[in-house]
Structures are given as structure tokens and as C-alpha cells.
Amino acid sequence: MAMEVFGKSFHVKDTFDNIVTIPDCFVLGKNKIGHGHGEAKLYMGSKDVVRDFFGGTGFKADCFLLKKDLVAYLEALKNEYLHPTQEYIGKEKLPSLWIERMQYVKSLDDVITFRITEQYQIEGPRGYVNSDDIGYKLLRELSLPLISYMSAMQLVDNNGKVSYYWKLFADFDAISEKSQALVYTYGKKGEQQTVRVDTTKEKKEYEVSRARIGQGKYREALLEDCPFCPITMLNEESLLIASHIKPWAVSDDKEKIDYKNGFMLSPLYDKLFDKGFITFTDDKRMIVSNWLSVKNQERLRLKNEERFPHLPIDDKRAFYLRFHRESVFKG
């Protein structure tokens, strides 16, 4: 696979297999949950896996972040900053902190470079990296613990130089599990009732799950609009999932039940879409993420830019798809 970063061409050699969830101990600032000072070293997986990806024992690896990715990441987490679901130590200051951080990120260069080194002096099988550079510190400042995760991609330029593209992602499922959500149920006479539930309680998780996959009027409206999966053409209703384009966790109350904020998808494509491994263009073409390994793309028989004419994309769905492409898709 090939990709271009601000006019420079790269070959995508590999993608890091481990998705690294950002722990609270790594995070700096008011968005920590605990009160420790934080540890600069980041655990990324077993030493063998980390060394194999980054270049052997005692490696030093040149890495970069993209400003546009950080802007999209902050946009994706805006609702979490405005309405925190976790007990951050600076919870009341998070709304203003979002504005401050967005302004700062937008002032940065388009490409933010940093170098990581292996923490080989740490005994045991766990592989750690560290850095004193600004780009690495940005990861520590912008990450929200347990909700943020990151991965890396190994790139080779036309001169054979290897570098590593890092990207922060938001785990919308983790946010949904911690937040309060509106669950739509129906009374004895069929009238819609709105009930606010605490999704941190296990006994309510099933209700939230039912709401997310489109129970009630949302699912009914989607089925009326498109009674089959537009990718596989599967039309067995019991196997179709009402997938949200803009994730449930960051949608407002109207967007949660707006059938234009959804597609009816078969389970595999629902999961790929929900996790940001595929998205769609306004002209009904599938875009496949480079963060999904070439082998897995082949196993799933995914074809980049394949057109699916039955995708029900209109102006309103195109609006929601812009959010998906910018904040959910692992582009």
C-alpha cells in the first residue's frame, strides 16, 4: 500500500498489531483520573513484538504525528470534554481546556516529529518506549485515560528511510459504557417513553446495547428506508444491525434517533464501520483503512474505492458521514 503525507510518498510496510489503550499513569494534566505525576514510559506490548516492529534491541525510532489528526481527535472528544463521563481531577475545567488545547494544536506545524527509544533497561518481558520530545509529550497531554488509544504505522520513503506514523483514536464504545444515555422504551399502549439510565451499572448495559443496535422507531425507520444491507444485499431482518454513522456516544438526543444517522448493515460490515476500518464517500465508494493489515483486507475481500450503488446516501447522511470520515475512520 502507498500513502502520501503533505506531498511526500511512502510505502506502508506494516501496522503495529497491538492497539495501545492509554493508561492513566501515562497521562499529564487535568484530564488525569488519579493524582500521580504520571510515568513518561509507555507500555506497548511484549519486548519481542515491540522490537520486531521498531527495529531491534535498543532501538531509536523516528516518529511523527499529523496536526489534522489531532484536530479530528479533539473534535471527536469534544462532547467528553464538555460533559465528562469520568472523574477527572480537573473535571470542571475540561470545557475551557478543550478550547485551549484546540487553539494550541491548530498553531502547530502540519507534521510534528519526535523520536522514541526503547527502555531496554527495564527487566522483564514487557516492552516500553520513552521520549523527551514535544510530539511525545503531546500524546501524554491530549490523551484521555482509558478512552484514548493509539497505534503506529511503519512507513518507508522513496529513499528507503523508515519512519513511524502515530495516531490517537477515541474509543466511542468505552465512552458509551461510562456515560449516561437515553434509552427509548415503549409503554403498554405503544407510546414512546424516554428513560435516562446509568450505563455504568451492569444491569442497564443490555438496555443500552438494545438501544444502540436500533430497537424501536429508529430501527423501524431505517428498515423502511433501506430494508437490506447495501453492501451484501442481505435482507434477513434478524441479521441486520442498525448502525449509527455518528456514534451513539457523541450524538445528541435527536441524532441518536435520527434514522438518517444510520445504515442497515450485516454484522461484519457493521463492526468494520463502527470501529473505523471502513467508511464511505458521498458518491457511495468504500474507503478501507490502512490501519487494517493487508492480510486482513485480503481475508475479508475488501476492495478500496469499490462502489456500492444501493448505499442510501443523501445530503443528510453525507453530513453525518463527514463526521465519520474525520473522527471515526482510521484514515
C-alpha atoms as a PDB file:
ATOM      1  CA  MET A   1       0.000   0.000   0.000  1.00  0.00           C
ATOM      2  CA  ALA A   2       1.119   3.584  -0.598  1.00  0.00           C
ATOM      3  CA  MET A   3       0.210   6.828   1.087  1.00  0.00           C
ATOM      4  CA  GLU A   4       1.130  10.478   0.751  1.00  0.00           C
ATOM      5  CA  VAL A   5       1.869  12.862   3.618  1.00  0.00           C
ATOM      6  CA  PHE A   6       1.965  16.520   2.572  1.00  0.00           C
ATOM      7  CA  GLY A   7       3.459  15.811  -0.837  1.00  0.00           C
ATOM      8  CA  LYS A   8       5.862  13.051   0.262  1.00  0.00           C
ATOM      9  CA  SER A   9       5.176   9.472  -0.830  1.00  0.00           C
ATOM     10  CA  PHE A  10       5.529   6.488   1.486  1.00  0.00           C
ATOM     11  CA  HIS A  11       5.098   2.755   1.223  1.00  0.00           C
ATOM     12  CA  VAL A  12       3.114   1.267   4.103  1.00  0.00           C
ATOM     13  CA  LYS A  13       5.310  -1.616   5.235  1.00  0.00           C
ATOM     14  CA  ASP A  14       3.479  -2.702   8.370  1.00  0.00           C
ATOM     15  CA  THR A  15       0.941  -1.683  11.007  1.00  0.00           C
ATOM     16  CA  PHE A  16       1.557  -2.270  14.707  1.00  0.00           C
ATOM     17  CA  ASP A  17      -0.557  -5.240  15.759  1.00  0.00           C
ATOM     18  CA  ASN A  18      -1.205  -4.071  19.316  1.00  0.00           C
ATOM     19  CA  ILE A  19      -3.758  -1.298  19.835  1.00  0.00           C
ATOM     20  CA  VAL A  20      -2.391   0.538  22.875  1.00  0.00           C
ATOM     21  CA  THR A  21      -5.005   1.812  25.325  1.00  0.00           C
ATOM     22  CA  ILE A  22      -3.638   4.889  27.076  1.00  0.00           C
ATOM     23  CA  PRO A  23      -3.413   4.251  30.838  1.00  0.00           C
ATOM     24  CA  ASP A  24      -3.997   6.942  33.440  1.00  0.00           C
ATOM     25  CA  CYS A  25      -0.391   6.680  34.655  1.00  0.00           C
ATOM     26  CA  PHE A  26       0.839   7.925  31.248  1.00  0.00           C
ATOM     27  CA  VAL A  27      -1.412  10.996  31.103  1.00  0.00           C
ATOM     28  CA  LEU A  28      -0.424  14.533  32.094  1.00  0.00           C
ATOM     29  CA  GLY A  29      -2.622  17.423  33.191  1.00  0.00           C
ATOM     30  CA  LYS A  30      -6.176  17.999  34.378  1.00  0.00           C
ATOM     31  CA  ASN A  31      -7.548  15.085  32.366  1.00  0.00           C
ATOM     32  CA  LYS A  32      -5.955  12.513  34.672  1.00  0.00           C
ATOM     33  CA  ILE A  33      -8.190  10.418  36.887  1.00  0.00           C
ATOM     34  CA  GLY A  34      -5.580   9.711  39.561  1.00  0.00           C
ATOM     35  CA  HIS A  35      -3.308  12.184  41.301  1.00  0.00           C
ATOM     36  CA  GLY A  36       0.125  10.776  40.432  1.00  0.00           C
ATOM     37  CA  HIS A  37       2.634  12.745  38.369  1.00  0.00           C
ATOM     38  CA  GLY A  38       2.480  10.206  35.580  1.00  0.00           C
ATOM     39  CA  GLU A  39       5.094   7.976  34.003  1.00  0.00           C
ATOM     40  CA  ALA A  40       6.646   9.037  30.726  1.00  0.00           C
ATOM     41  CA  LYS A  41       7.343   5.474  29.626  1.00  0.00           C
ATOM     42  CA  LEU A  42       4.592   3.792  27.621  1.00  0.00           C
ATOM     43  CA  TYR A  43       3.963   0.051  27.643  1.00  0.00           C
ATOM     44  CA  MET A  44       3.309  -1.128  24.084  1.00  0.00           C
ATOM     45  CA  GLY A  45       3.356  -4.922  24.289  1.00  0.00           C
ATOM     46  CA  SER A  46       5.850  -7.729  24.663  1.00  0.00           C
ATOM     47  CA  LYS A  47       9.503  -6.846  24.078  1.00  0.00           C
ATOM     48  CA  ASP A  48       9.741  -9.245  21.148  1.00  0.00           C
ATOM     49  CA  VAL A  49       6.753  -7.691  19.358  1.00  0.00           C
ATOM     50  CA  VAL A  50       7.866  -4.096  20.011  1.00  0.00           C
ATOM     51  CA  ARG A  51      11.477  -4.767  18.947  1.00  0.00           C
ATOM     52  CA  ASP A  52      10.385  -6.563  15.806  1.00  0.00           C
ATOM     53  CA  PHE A  53       8.269  -3.577  14.762  1.00  0.00           C
ATOM     54  CA  PHE A  54      10.579  -0.711  15.732  1.00  0.00           C
ATOM     55  CA  GLY A  55      13.973  -2.109  14.768  1.00  0.00           C
ATOM     56  CA  GLY A  56      15.628  -4.458  17.250  1.00  0.00           C
ATOM     57  CA  THR A  57      17.042  -4.322  20.765  1.00  0.00           C
ATOM     58  CA  GLY A  58      17.803  -0.783  21.985  1.00  0.00           C
ATOM     59  CA  PHE A  59      16.018   0.799  19.018  1.00  0.00           C
ATOM     60  CA  LYS A  60      15.656   4.507  18.359  1.00  0.00           C
ATOM     61  CA  ALA A  61      12.789   5.240  16.002  1.00  0.00           C
ATOM     62  CA  ASP A  62      11.836   8.442  14.154  1.00  0.00           C
ATOM     63  CA  CYS A  63       8.106   9.086  14.530  1.00  0.00           C
ATOM     64  CA  PHE A  64       5.554  11.735  13.607  1.00  0.00           C
ATOM     65  CA  LEU A  65       2.032  12.936  14.321  1.00  0.00           C
ATOM     66  CA  LEU A  66      -0.179  14.925  11.954  1.00  0.00           C
ATOM     67  CA  LYS A  67      -1.850  18.123  13.104  1.00  0.00           C
ATOM     68  CA  LYS A  68      -5.015  17.300  11.148  1.00  0.00           C
ATOM     69  CA  ASP A  69      -5.307  14.006  13.046  1.00  0.00           C
ATOM     70  CA  LEU A  70      -5.007  15.764  16.410  1.00  0.00           C
ATOM     71  CA  VAL A  71      -7.671  18.301  15.403  1.00  0.00           C
ATOM     72  CA  ALA A  72     -10.014  15.468  14.360  1.00  0.00           C
ATOM     73  CA  TYR A  73      -9.263  13.605  17.596  1.00  0.00           C
ATOM     74  CA  LEU A  74     -10.158  16.649  19.719  1.00  0.00           C
ATOM     75  CA  GLU A  75     -13.330  17.190  17.690  1.00  0.00           C
ATOM     76  CA  ALA A  76     -14.298  13.571  18.307  1.00  0.00           C
ATOM     77  CA  LEU A  77     -13.835  14.002  22.070  1.00  0.00           C
ATOM     78  CA  LYS A  78     -15.442  17.439  22.337  1.00  0.00           C
ATOM     79  CA  ASN A  79     -18.573  16.028  23.955  1.00  0.00           C
ATOM     80  CA  GLU A  80     -16.472  14.188  26.546  1.00  0.00           C
ATOM     81  CA  TYR A  81     -14.686  17.444  27.417  1.00  0.00           C
ATOM     82  CA  LEU A  82     -17.991  19.330  27.687  1.00  0.00           C
ATOM     83  CA  HIS A  83     -19.833  16.558  29.559  1.00  0.00           C
ATOM     84  CA  PRO A  84     -17.195  14.367  31.254  1.00  0.00           C
ATOM     85  CA  THR A  85     -18.138  10.771  31.999  1.00  0.00           C
ATOM     86  CA  GLN A  86     -15.080  10.078  34.173  1.00  0.00           C
ATOM     87  CA  GLU A  87     -13.903  11.651  37.421  1.00  0.00           C
ATOM     88  CA  TYR A  88     -11.025  13.665  36.010  1.00  0.00           C
ATOM     89  CA  ILE A  89      -9.047  15.671  38.563  1.00  0.00           C
ATOM     90  CA  GLY A  90      -9.845  18.880  36.649  1.00  0.00           C
ATOM     91  CA  LYS A  91     -13.347  17.895  35.598  1.00  0.00           C
ATOM     92  CA  GLU A  92     -14.872  21.365  35.967  1.00  0.00           C
ATOM     93  CA  LYS A  93     -12.127  22.901  33.808  1.00  0.00           C
ATOM     94  CA  LEU A  94     -12.336  20.463  30.914  1.00  0.00           C
ATOM     95  CA  PRO A  95     -14.685  22.595  28.732  1.00  0.00           C
ATOM     96  CA  SER A  96     -12.275  25.538  28.746  1.00  0.00           C
ATOM     97  CA  LEU A  97      -9.343  23.139  28.453  1.00  0.00           C
ATOM     98  CA  TRP A  98     -10.784  21.807  25.189  1.00  0.00           C
ATOM     99  CA  ILE A  99     -10.780  25.312  23.693  1.00  0.00           C
ATOM    100  CA  GLU A 100      -7.257  25.944  24.920  1.00  0.00           C
ATOM    101  CA  ARG A 101      -5.936  22.681  23.530  1.00  0.00           C
ATOM    102  CA  MET A 102      -7.667  23.051  20.186  1.00  0.00           C
ATOM    103  CA  GLN A 103      -6.165  26.517  19.743  1.00  0.00           C
ATOM    104  CA  TYR A 104      -2.720  25.191  20.641  1.00  0.00           C
ATOM    105  CA  VAL A 105      -2.914  22.196  18.304  1.00  0.00           C
ATOM    106  CA  LYS A 106      -4.037  24.407  15.405  1.00  0.00           C
ATOM    107  CA  SER A 107      -0.937  26.570  15.934  1.00  0.00           C
ATOM    108  CA  LEU A 108       1.417  23.607  15.431  1.00  0.00           C
ATOM    109  CA  ASP A 109       3.211  22.578  12.243  1.00  0.00           C
ATOM    110  CA  ASP A 110       1.368  20.196   9.941  1.00  0.00           C
ATOM    111  CA  VAL A 111       3.795  17.389  10.844  1.00  0.00           C
ATOM    112  CA  ILE A 112       5.053  17.009  14.436  1.00  0.00           C
ATOM    113  CA  THR A 113       8.157  14.822  14.696  1.00  0.00           C
ATOM    114  CA  PHE A 114       9.620  13.032  17.691  1.00  0.00           C
ATOM    115  CA  ARG A 115      11.986  10.159  18.427  1.00  0.00           C
ATOM    116  CA  ILE A 116      11.293   7.260  20.755  1.00  0.00           C
ATOM    117  CA  THR A 117      13.844   4.982  22.421  1.00  0.00           C
ATOM    118  CA  GLU A 118      13.388   1.527  23.842  1.00  0.00           C
ATOM    119  CA  GLN A 119      13.519   1.316  27.634  1.00  0.00           C
ATOM    120  CA  TYR A 120      15.597  -1.850  27.461  1.00  0.00           C
ATOM    121  CA  GLN A 121      16.958  -1.334  30.982  1.00  0.00           C
ATOM    122  CA  ILE A 122      13.560  -2.329  32.394  1.00  0.00           C
ATOM    123  CA  GLU A 123      13.693  -6.024  33.231  1.00  0.00           C
ATOM    124  CA  GLY A 124      11.007  -8.478  32.277  1.00  0.00           C
ATOM    125  CA  PRO A 125       9.065  -9.313  29.096  1.00  0.00           C
ATOM    126  CA  ARG A 126       7.133  -6.026  28.831  1.00  0.00           C
ATOM    127  CA  GLY A 127       8.248  -3.581  26.147  1.00  0.00           C
ATOM    128  CA  TYR A 128       8.359   0.158  26.924  1.00  0.00           C
ATOM    129  CA  VAL A 129       9.264   3.297  24.963  1.00  0.00           C
ATOM    130  CA  ASN A 130      10.016   6.851  26.063  1.00  0.00           C
ATOM    131  CA  SER A 131      10.899  10.252  24.631  1.00  0.00           C
ATOM    132  CA  ASP A 132      11.662  13.814  25.738  1.00  0.00           C
ATOM    133  CA  ASP A 133      10.331  15.368  22.532  1.00  0.00           C
ATOM    134  CA  ILE A 134       7.314  17.673  22.205  1.00  0.00           C
ATOM    135  CA  GLY A 135       5.356  15.298  19.963  1.00  0.00           C
ATOM    136  CA  TYR A 136       5.523  12.552  22.557  1.00  0.00           C
ATOM    137  CA  LYS A 137       4.534  14.994  25.297  1.00  0.00           C
ATOM    138  CA  LEU A 138       1.501  15.947  23.182  1.00  0.00           C
ATOM    139  CA  LEU A 139       0.340  12.338  23.342  1.00  0.00           C
ATOM    140  CA  ARG A 140       0.533  12.484  27.123  1.00  0.00           C
ATOM    141  CA  GLU A 141      -1.296  15.815  27.380  1.00  0.00           C
ATOM    142  CA  LEU A 142      -4.118  15.162  24.899  1.00  0.00           C
ATOM    143  CA  SER A 143      -4.949  11.573  25.820  1.00  0.00           C
ATOM    144  CA  LEU A 144      -7.988  10.847  27.955  1.00  0.00           C
ATOM    145  CA  PRO A 145      -7.219   7.768  30.071  1.00  0.00           C
ATOM    146  CA  LEU A 146      -8.949   4.503  29.133  1.00  0.00           C
ATOM    147  CA  ILE A 147     -10.923   6.285  26.384  1.00  0.00           C
ATOM    148  CA  SER A 148      -7.965   7.099  24.120  1.00  0.00           C
ATOM    149  CA  TYR A 149      -5.859   4.561  22.289  1.00  0.00           C
ATOM    150  CA  MET A 150      -3.157   4.750  19.697  1.00  0.00           C
ATOM    151  CA  SER A 151      -1.422   2.733  17.034  1.00  0.00           C
ATOM    152  CA  ALA A 152       1.585   3.164  14.774  1.00  0.00           C
ATOM    153  CA  MET A 153       2.305   2.508  11.121  1.00  0.00           C
ATOM    154  CA  GLN A 154       5.731   1.696   9.664  1.00  0.00           C
ATOM    155  CA  LEU A 155       6.414   3.765   6.545  1.00  0.00           C
ATOM    156  CA  VAL A 156       9.311   3.702   4.060  1.00  0.00           C
ATOM    157  CA  ASP A 157      10.008   6.700   1.792  1.00  0.00           C
ATOM    158  CA  ASN A 158      11.438   6.582  -1.721  1.00  0.00           C
ATOM    159  CA  ASN A 159      14.979   6.744  -0.306  1.00  0.00           C
ATOM    160  CA  GLY A 160      14.435   3.730   1.922  1.00  0.00           C
ATOM    161  CA  LYS A 161      14.241   5.717   5.161  1.00  0.00           C
ATOM    162  CA  VAL A 162      11.907   4.195   7.769  1.00  0.00           C
ATOM    163  CA  SER A 163       9.649   6.342   9.940  1.00  0.00           C
ATOM    164  CA  TYR A 164       6.635   5.659  12.124  1.00  0.00           C
ATOM    165  CA  TYR A 165       3.290   7.387  11.806  1.00  0.00           C
ATOM    166  CA  TRP A 166       1.481   7.540  15.166  1.00  0.00           C
ATOM    167  CA  LYS A 167      -2.191   8.345  15.570  1.00  0.00           C
ATOM    168  CA  LEU A 168      -4.510   8.858  18.539  1.00  0.00           C
ATOM    169  CA  PHE A 169      -8.022   7.445  18.387  1.00  0.00           C
ATOM    170  CA  ALA A 170     -11.123   7.743  20.543  1.00  0.00           C
ATOM    171  CA  ASP A 171     -12.862   4.586  21.786  1.00  0.00           C
ATOM    172  CA  PHE A 172     -16.513   5.550  21.418  1.00  0.00           C
ATOM    173  CA  ASP A 173     -17.661   2.256  22.912  1.00  0.00           C
ATOM    174  CA  ALA A 174     -15.680   2.999  26.087  1.00  0.00           C
ATOM    175  CA  ILE A 175     -17.305   6.433  26.320  1.00  0.00           C
ATOM    176  CA  SER A 176     -20.750   4.916  25.812  1.00  0.00           C
ATOM    177  CA  GLU A 177     -20.193   2.394  28.586  1.00  0.00           C
ATOM    178  CA  LYS A 178     -19.297   5.142  31.061  1.00  0.00           C
ATOM    179  CA  SER A 179     -21.809   7.799  30.094  1.00  0.00           C
ATOM    180  CA  GLN A 180     -25.496   8.291  30.645  1.00  0.00           C
ATOM    181  CA  ALA A 181     -27.581   7.580  27.590  1.00  0.00           C
ATOM    182  CA  LEU A 182     -31.167   7.992  26.536  1.00  0.00           C
ATOM    183  CA  VAL A 183     -32.865   4.649  26.172  1.00  0.00           C
ATOM    184  CA  TYR A 184     -36.131   4.599  24.260  1.00  0.00           C
ATOM    185  CA  THR A 185     -38.732   2.131  25.505  1.00  0.00           C
ATOM    186  CA  TYR A 186     -42.419   1.680  24.814  1.00  0.00           C
ATOM    187  CA  GLY A 187     -45.289   1.661  27.275  1.00  0.00           C
ATOM    188  CA  LYS A 188     -48.298  -0.650  27.312  1.00  0.00           C
ATOM    189  CA  LYS A 189     -50.152   1.459  24.757  1.00  0.00           C
ATOM    190  CA  GLY A 190     -47.121   1.761  22.478  1.00  0.00           C
ATOM    191  CA  GLU A 191     -46.319   5.363  23.350  1.00  0.00           C
ATOM    192  CA  GLN A 192     -42.625   6.269  23.359  1.00  0.00           C
ATOM    193  CA  GLN A 193     -41.096   6.952  26.750  1.00  0.00           C
ATOM    194  CA  THR A 194     -37.667   8.447  27.378  1.00  0.00           C
ATOM    195  CA  VAL A 195     -35.753   6.978  30.287  1.00  0.00           C
ATOM    196  CA  ARG A 196     -32.309   8.132  31.406  1.00  0.00           C
ATOM    197  CA  VAL A 197     -30.203   5.295  32.722  1.00  0.00           C
ATOM    198  CA  ASP A 198     -26.748   4.994  34.267  1.00  0.00           C
ATOM    199  CA  THR A 199     -24.827   2.779  31.853  1.00  0.00           C
ATOM    200  CA  THR A 200     -22.078   2.125  34.385  1.00  0.00           C
ATOM    201  CA  LYS A 201     -24.441  -0.331  36.092  1.00  0.00           C
ATOM    202  CA  GLU A 202     -24.240  -3.803  34.668  1.00  0.00           C
ATOM    203  CA  LYS A 203     -27.975  -4.370  34.838  1.00  0.00           C
ATOM    204  CA  LYS A 204     -28.521  -1.481  32.387  1.00  0.00           C
ATOM    205  CA  GLU A 205     -25.877  -2.485  29.837  1.00  0.00           C
ATOM    206  CA  TYR A 206     -28.292  -4.733  27.963  1.00  0.00           C
ATOM    207  CA  GLU A 207     -30.802  -1.885  27.602  1.00  0.00           C
ATOM    208  CA  VAL A 208     -28.127   0.411  26.206  1.00  0.00           C
ATOM    209  CA  SER A 209     -26.941  -2.296  23.829  1.00  0.00           C
ATOM    210  CA  ARG A 210     -30.502  -2.773  22.574  1.00  0.00           C
ATOM    211  CA  ALA A 211     -30.890   0.958  22.061  1.00  0.00           C
ATOM    212  CA  ARG A 212     -27.604   1.215  20.164  1.00  0.00           C
ATOM    213  CA  ILE A 213     -28.440  -1.510  17.658  1.00  0.00           C
ATOM    214  CA  GLY A 214     -31.627   0.205  16.746  1.00  0.00           C
ATOM    215  CA  GLN A 215     -34.565  -1.114  18.761  1.00  0.00           C
ATOM    216  CA  GLY A 216     -37.868   0.704  18.367  1.00  0.00           C
ATOM    217  CA  LYS A 217     -38.671   3.512  15.986  1.00  0.00           C
ATOM    218  CA  TYR A 218     -35.077   4.139  14.918  1.00  0.00           C
ATOM    219  CA  ARG A 219     -34.674   0.629  13.579  1.00  0.00           C
ATOM    220  CA  GLU A 220     -38.128   0.615  12.019  1.00  0.00           C
ATOM    221  CA  ALA A 221     -37.453   3.857  10.149  1.00  0.00           C
ATOM    222  CA  LEU A 222     -34.089   2.571   8.902  1.00  0.00           C
ATOM    223  CA  LEU A 223     -35.644  -0.636   7.649  1.00  0.00           C
ATOM    224  CA  GLU A 224     -38.299   1.317   5.794  1.00  0.00           C
ATOM    225  CA  ASP A 225     -35.591   3.446   4.187  1.00  0.00           C
ATOM    226  CA  CYS A 226     -33.330   0.533   3.259  1.00  0.00           C
ATOM    227  CA  PRO A 227     -34.593  -2.986   4.138  1.00  0.00           C
ATOM    228  CA  PHE A 228     -31.289  -4.709   3.280  1.00  0.00           C
ATOM    229  CA  CYS A 229     -27.542  -4.334   3.726  1.00  0.00           C
ATOM    230  CA  PRO A 230     -26.435  -2.222   0.725  1.00  0.00           C
ATOM    231  CA  ILE A 231     -23.040  -3.984   0.667  1.00  0.00           C
ATOM    232  CA  THR A 232     -24.001  -7.661   0.899  1.00  0.00           C
ATOM    233  CA  MET A 233     -27.661  -7.247  -0.135  1.00  0.00           C
ATOM    234  CA  LEU A 234     -28.592  -9.400   2.886  1.00  0.00           C
ATOM    235  CA  ASN A 235     -32.284  -8.802   3.664  1.00  0.00           C
ATOM    236  CA  GLU A 236     -32.888 -11.127   6.629  1.00  0.00           C
ATOM    237  CA  GLU A 237     -34.008  -8.562   9.233  1.00  0.00           C
ATOM    238  CA  SER A 238     -32.875 -10.626  12.211  1.00  0.00           C
ATOM    239  CA  LEU A 239     -29.303 -10.492  10.896  1.00  0.00           C
ATOM    240  CA  LEU A 240     -29.218  -6.759  10.134  1.00  0.00           C
ATOM    241  CA  ILE A 241     -27.853  -4.135  12.524  1.00  0.00           C
ATOM    242  CA  ALA A 242     -28.957  -0.500  12.615  1.00  0.00           C
ATOM    243  CA  SER A 243     -25.508   1.055  12.676  1.00  0.00           C
ATOM    244  CA  HIS A 244     -25.001   4.697  13.682  1.00  0.00           C
ATOM    245  CA  ILE A 245     -22.843   6.849  11.384  1.00  0.00           C
ATOM    246  CA  LYS A 246     -22.055   9.445  14.032  1.00  0.00           C
ATOM    247  CA  PRO A 247     -21.504   7.231  17.081  1.00  0.00           C
ATOM    248  CA  TRP A 248     -24.194   6.969  19.736  1.00  0.00           C
ATOM    249  CA  ALA A 249     -21.771   8.133  22.433  1.00  0.00           C
ATOM    250  CA  VAL A 250     -21.164  11.534  20.818  1.00  0.00           C
ATOM    251  CA  SER A 251     -24.583  12.112  19.252  1.00  0.00           C
ATOM    252  CA  ASP A 252     -27.096  14.455  20.830  1.00  0.00           C
ATOM    253  CA  ASP A 253     -30.578  13.228  21.733  1.00  0.00           C
ATOM    254  CA  LYS A 254     -32.030  13.985  18.285  1.00  0.00           C
ATOM    255  CA  GLU A 255     -29.111  12.436  16.410  1.00  0.00           C
ATOM    256  CA  LYS A 256     -29.421   9.216  18.434  1.00  0.00           C
ATOM    257  CA  ILE A 257     -32.857   8.510  16.943  1.00  0.00           C
ATOM    258  CA  ASP A 258     -32.460  10.176  13.528  1.00  0.00           C
ATOM    259  CA  TYR A 259     -32.649   7.297  11.042  1.00  0.00           C
ATOM    260  CA  LYS A 260     -30.614   9.397   8.592  1.00  0.00           C
ATOM    261  CA  ASN A 261     -27.737   8.902  11.045  1.00  0.00           C
ATOM    262  CA  GLY A 262     -27.557   5.237  10.168  1.00  0.00           C
ATOM    263  CA  PHE A 263     -27.213   2.363   7.743  1.00  0.00           C
ATOM    264  CA  MET A 264     -28.664  -1.130   7.922  1.00  0.00           C
ATOM    265  CA  LEU A 265     -25.558  -3.344   7.757  1.00  0.00           C
ATOM    266  CA  SER A 266     -24.746  -7.016   8.088  1.00  0.00           C
ATOM    267  CA  PRO A 267     -22.776  -7.770  11.292  1.00  0.00           C
ATOM    268  CA  LEU A 268     -19.270  -7.885   9.800  1.00  0.00           C
ATOM    269  CA  TYR A 269     -19.628  -4.568   7.989  1.00  0.00           C
ATOM    270  CA  ASP A 270     -21.329  -3.003  10.997  1.00  0.00           C
ATOM    271  CA  LYS A 271     -18.266  -3.868  13.109  1.00  0.00           C
ATOM    272  CA  LEU A 272     -15.807  -2.633  10.466  1.00  0.00           C
ATOM    273  CA  PHE A 273     -17.749   0.624  10.116  1.00  0.00           C
ATOM    274  CA  ASP A 274     -18.252   1.071  13.871  1.00  0.00           C
ATOM    275  CA  LYS A 275     -14.512   0.591  14.551  1.00  0.00           C
ATOM    276  CA  GLY A 276     -13.490   2.945  11.737  1.00  0.00           C
ATOM    277  CA  PHE A 277     -11.804   0.371   9.485  1.00  0.00           C
ATOM    278  CA  ILE A 278     -14.085   1.337   6.593  1.00  0.00           C
ATOM    279  CA  THR A 279     -16.019   4.453   5.648  1.00  0.00           C
ATOM    280  CA  PHE A 280     -17.881   5.733   2.600  1.00  0.00           C
ATOM    281  CA  THR A 281     -17.586   8.687   0.260  1.00  0.00           C
ATOM    282  CA  ASP A 282     -20.556  10.795  -0.770  1.00  0.00           C
ATOM    283  CA  ASP A 283     -20.511   9.040  -4.171  1.00  0.00           C
ATOM    284  CA  LYS A 284     -21.018   5.638  -2.465  1.00  0.00           C
ATOM    285  CA  ARG A 285     -17.485   4.273  -2.556  1.00  0.00           C
ATOM    286  CA  MET A 286     -15.955   2.284   0.297  1.00  0.00           C
ATOM    287  CA  ILE A 287     -12.639   3.516   1.678  1.00  0.00           C
ATOM    288  CA  VAL A 288     -10.570   0.917   3.544  1.00  0.00           C
ATOM    289  CA  SER A 289      -8.254   2.000   6.346  1.00  0.00           C
ATOM    290  CA  ASN A 290      -4.507   1.432   6.074  1.00  0.00           C
ATOM    291  CA  TRP A 291      -4.657   0.593   9.793  1.00  0.00           C
ATOM    292  CA  LEU A 292      -6.225  -2.720   8.818  1.00  0.00           C
ATOM    293  CA  SER A 293      -3.386  -5.014   7.731  1.00  0.00           C
ATOM    294  CA  VAL A 294      -3.113  -6.023   4.084  1.00  0.00           C
ATOM    295  CA  LYS A 295      -3.561  -9.668   5.054  1.00  0.00           C
ATOM    296  CA  ASN A 296      -6.812  -8.936   6.873  1.00  0.00           C
ATOM    297  CA  GLN A 297      -8.069  -6.825   3.973  1.00  0.00           C
ATOM    298  CA  GLU A 298      -7.414  -9.781   1.686  1.00  0.00           C
ATOM    299  CA  ARG A 299      -9.076 -12.214   4.102  1.00  0.00           C
ATOM    300  CA  LEU A 300     -12.165 -10.010   4.197  1.00  0.00           C
ATOM    301  CA  ARG A 301     -12.016  -9.375   0.430  1.00  0.00           C
ATOM    302  CA  LEU A 302     -12.242  -5.629   0.935  1.00  0.00           C
ATOM    303  CA  LYS A 303     -11.572  -3.523  -2.148  1.00  0.00           C
ATOM    304  CA  ASN A 304     -10.666   0.117  -1.702  1.00  0.00           C
ATOM    305  CA  GLU A 305     -12.896   2.530  -3.644  1.00  0.00           C
ATOM    306  CA  GLU A 306     -15.367  -0.185  -4.632  1.00  0.00           C
ATOM    307  CA  ARG A 307     -18.716   1.464  -5.353  1.00  0.00           C
ATOM    308  CA  PHE A 308     -21.961   0.261  -3.767  1.00  0.00           C
ATOM    309  CA  PRO A 309     -24.821   1.887  -5.708  1.00  0.00           C
ATOM    310  CA  HIS A 310     -27.505   0.865  -3.191  1.00  0.00           C
ATOM    311  CA  LEU A 311     -25.991   2.873  -0.309  1.00  0.00           C
ATOM    312  CA  PRO A 312     -28.773   5.334   0.678  1.00  0.00           C
ATOM    313  CA  ILE A 313     -26.646   8.479   0.797  1.00  0.00           C
ATOM    314  CA  ASP A 314     -28.418  11.822   0.606  1.00  0.00           C
ATOM    315  CA  ASP A 315     -27.459  15.294   1.862  1.00  0.00           C
ATOM    316  CA  LYS A 316     -28.277  14.493   5.473  1.00  0.00           C
ATOM    317  CA  ARG A 317     -26.367  11.216   5.557  1.00  0.00           C
ATOM    318  CA  ALA A 318     -23.488  12.966   3.791  1.00  0.00           C
ATOM    319  CA  PHE A 319     -23.408  15.410   6.713  1.00  0.00           C
ATOM    320  CA  TYR A 320     -23.082  12.570   9.221  1.00  0.00           C
ATOM    321  CA  LEU A 321     -20.541  10.791   7.004  1.00  0.00           C
ATOM    322  CA  ARG A 322     -18.244  13.808   7.134  1.00  0.00           C
ATOM    323  CA  PHE A 323     -18.033  13.305  10.894  1.00  0.00           C
ATOM    324  CA  HIS A 324     -17.364   9.593  10.417  1.00  0.00           C
ATOM    325  CA  ARG A 325     -14.582  10.191   7.898  1.00  0.00           C
ATOM    326  CA  GLU A 326     -12.926  12.885  10.015  1.00  0.00           C
ATOM    327  CA  SER A 327     -13.342  11.488  13.533  1.00  0.00           C
ATOM    328  CA  VAL A 328     -14.145   7.759  13.391  1.00  0.00           C
ATOM    329  CA  PHE A 329     -12.421   6.427  10.282  1.00  0.00           C
ATOM    330  CA  LYS A 330      -8.835   5.341  10.828  1.00  0.00           C
ATOM    331  CA  GLY A 331      -7.643   7.243   7.771  1.00  0.00           C
END
